[in-house]
Protein backbone atom coordinates (compact mmCIF):
# COMPACT_ATOMS: atom_id res chain seq x y z
CA MET A 1 0.00 0.00 0.00
CA PRO A 2 1.52 3.38 -1.00
CA ARG A 3 2.24 5.86 1.74
CA SER A 4 0.54 9.22 1.53
CA ALA A 5 2.45 12.48 1.27
CA LEU A 6 3.05 14.53 4.39
CA ARG A 7 0.88 17.62 4.79
CA PHE A 8 1.35 20.81 6.79
CA SER A 9 -0.89 19.45 9.54
CA ASP A 10 1.65 16.63 9.97
CA LEU A 11 4.20 19.23 11.08
CA GLN A 12 2.21 20.28 14.11
CA ILE A 13 3.67 19.00 17.37
CA ARG A 14 0.96 17.35 19.43
CA PRO A 15 1.88 17.01 23.10
CA SER A 16 -0.37 14.81 25.20
CA ILE A 17 -0.92 17.69 27.65
CA LYS A 18 -2.98 20.71 26.56
CA LEU A 19 -2.15 24.24 27.64
CA ASP A 20 -4.63 26.57 29.32
CA ARG A 21 -5.89 29.41 27.10
CA SER A 22 -4.43 32.17 29.31
CA LEU A 23 -1.07 30.40 29.33
CA CYS A 24 -1.17 30.17 25.52
CA GLU A 25 -1.81 33.91 25.35
CA ALA A 26 1.14 34.65 27.66
CA ILE A 27 3.42 32.37 25.62
CA GLU A 28 2.33 33.98 22.35
CA GLN A 29 2.85 37.48 23.78
CA SER A 30 6.36 36.52 24.92
CA TYR A 31 7.18 35.05 21.48
CA ARG A 32 5.85 38.14 19.67
CA SER A 33 8.00 40.43 21.83
CA VAL A 34 11.09 38.40 20.91
CA ILE A 35 10.17 38.66 17.20
CA ASN A 36 10.12 42.45 17.54
CA ASP A 37 13.37 42.67 19.54
CA ILE A 38 15.59 39.92 18.11
CA GLY A 39 19.08 41.01 17.20
CA PRO A 40 22.63 39.70 16.85
CA GLU A 41 23.00 38.86 20.57
CA GLU A 42 19.97 36.57 20.45
CA TYR A 43 21.27 34.76 17.37
CA ILE A 44 24.63 34.24 19.10
CA TYR A 45 22.77 32.89 22.14
CA VAL A 46 20.90 30.41 19.91
CA LEU A 47 24.16 29.26 18.30
CA SER A 48 25.70 28.62 21.72
CA ARG A 49 22.71 26.84 23.29
CA PHE A 50 20.93 25.02 20.47
CA PRO A 51 23.18 21.95 20.07
CA LYS A 52 22.96 20.99 23.78
CA LYS A 53 19.20 21.43 23.98
CA LEU A 54 18.70 19.50 20.75
CA GLN A 55 20.87 16.67 22.09
CA ILE A 56 18.75 16.46 25.26
CA LEU A 57 15.50 16.29 23.26
CA THR A 58 16.74 13.70 20.78
CA GLN A 59 17.47 11.40 23.71
CA ALA A 60 13.93 11.75 25.02
CA GLY A 61 11.64 8.78 24.64
CA THR A 62 8.50 10.87 24.27
CA SER A 63 7.23 11.18 20.70
CA TRP A 64 6.24 14.85 20.90
CA LEU A 65 9.67 15.81 22.29
CA ILE A 66 11.29 13.98 19.38
CA GLU A 67 8.93 15.90 17.04
CA LEU A 68 9.97 19.14 18.75
CA ALA A 69 13.65 18.25 18.19
CA ASP A 70 12.93 17.50 14.52
CA ARG A 71 11.04 20.76 13.90
CA THR A 72 13.61 22.92 15.69
CA GLN A 73 16.41 21.20 13.74
CA PHE A 74 14.51 22.10 10.55
CA LEU A 75 14.21 25.75 11.65
CA PHE A 76 17.87 25.87 12.68
CA SER A 77 18.97 24.41 9.33
CA ILE A 78 17.06 27.17 7.51
CA LEU A 79 18.94 29.86 9.46
CA GLU A 80 22.20 28.01 8.96
CA SER A 81 21.62 27.76 5.19
CA TYR A 82 20.70 31.44 5.10
CA SER A 83 23.80 32.51 7.06
CA THR A 84 26.08 30.59 4.68
CA GLY A 85 24.35 32.08 1.63
CA HIS A 86 22.83 28.82 0.39
CA ILE A 87 19.27 30.11 0.56
CA LYS A 88 17.55 33.48 0.74
CA ILE A 89 14.74 34.20 3.17
CA ASP A 90 12.87 37.38 3.88
CA GLU A 91 13.40 39.40 7.07
CA LYS A 92 10.05 38.43 8.59
CA SER A 93 10.83 34.70 8.21
CA GLN A 94 14.28 35.27 9.72
CA LYS A 95 12.73 36.94 12.74
CA LEU A 96 10.00 34.30 13.14
CA ILE A 97 12.55 31.50 13.06
CA GLY A 98 15.15 33.30 15.16
CA ALA A 99 12.61 34.19 17.83
CA ALA A 100 11.24 30.63 17.96
CA LEU A 101 14.74 29.21 18.35
CA PHE A 102 15.65 31.82 20.97
CA TYR A 103 12.51 30.94 22.92
CA PHE A 104 13.31 27.22 22.53
CA CYS A 105 16.87 27.69 23.84
CA ASN A 106 15.86 29.82 26.82
CA PRO A 107 15.50 27.46 29.82
CA TYR A 108 13.65 30.10 31.87
CA ASP A 109 10.78 30.96 29.54
CA ILE A 110 7.10 30.87 30.51
CA ILE A 111 7.31 27.19 31.55
CA PRO A 112 10.89 26.56 32.75
CA ASP A 113 12.48 23.61 30.96
CA HIS A 114 13.56 21.89 34.19
CA ILE A 115 9.93 21.06 35.12
CA PRO A 116 9.57 17.34 34.31
CA GLY A 117 6.95 16.45 31.71
CA THR A 118 5.80 19.98 31.01
CA GLY A 119 8.92 22.14 30.68
CA ASN A 120 8.94 22.02 26.90
CA LEU A 121 5.22 22.47 26.27
CA ASP A 122 5.60 26.20 25.69
CA ASP A 123 8.52 25.56 23.34
CA ALA A 124 6.33 23.22 21.27
CA TYR A 125 3.56 25.83 21.24
CA VAL A 126 5.99 28.51 19.97
CA VAL A 127 7.40 26.22 17.27
CA ASN A 128 3.84 25.45 16.13
CA LEU A 129 3.11 29.21 15.98
CA CYS A 130 6.28 29.78 13.98
CA LEU A 131 5.47 27.02 11.49
CA LYS A 132 1.94 28.34 11.08
CA GLU A 133 3.24 31.85 10.36
CA LEU A 134 5.88 30.52 7.96
CA GLN A 135 3.19 28.66 6.07
CA LYS A 136 1.58 32.07 5.41
CA VAL A 137 4.65 34.22 4.72
CA ALA A 138 7.10 31.67 3.24
CA PRO A 139 5.19 28.60 2.09
CA ASP A 140 8.12 27.51 -0.11
CA LEU A 141 10.22 26.84 2.99
CA ILE A 142 7.53 24.55 4.37
CA LEU A 143 7.00 22.85 0.99
CA HIS A 144 10.73 22.22 0.70
CA TYR A 145 10.76 20.58 4.13
CA LEU A 146 7.70 18.47 3.36
CA SER A 147 9.14 17.29 0.05
CA PHE A 148 12.43 16.40 1.76
CA LYS A 149 10.57 14.46 4.46
CA ASN A 150 8.42 12.70 1.86
CA GLU A 151 11.55 11.61 -0.01
CA SER A 152 13.16 10.32 3.18
CA VAL A 153 10.01 8.32 4.00
CA ASN A 154 8.97 7.17 0.54
CA GLY A 155 12.23 7.40 -1.43
CA PRO A 156 12.95 9.79 -4.32
CA LYS A 157 10.44 10.06 -7.16
């Protein structure tokens, strides 16, 4: 039986625990403020912290944490490709991705990362927001990722 192609909805991280509406609003407000204020210092912070946090998540046995690691690796690879001149992305996409990765790397965000079982829920929420925004402002980035994932699952066409 042929496997179906991945869709944007397949990118959404689905933790088993749902966040309260007021908490979602606080997380979104925090993310939006980082989008507005992100600068070189925040990008340097991401570069210094991202590998360690990614390593911790990839060792997790929980499926949604592994999804979070996968999605943040995708976002990081976009910025990396942009910084080396391999791809071009608009300023809004840069800020969306940079802010999501900064939020992800910050251990003392709305839900501190050291809280077992729930410390990364806000990170997953922010990454979902970022992907949703990217789908609107830079759908080619998302399509490229989906086609790459489809090839890795189904093999090249």
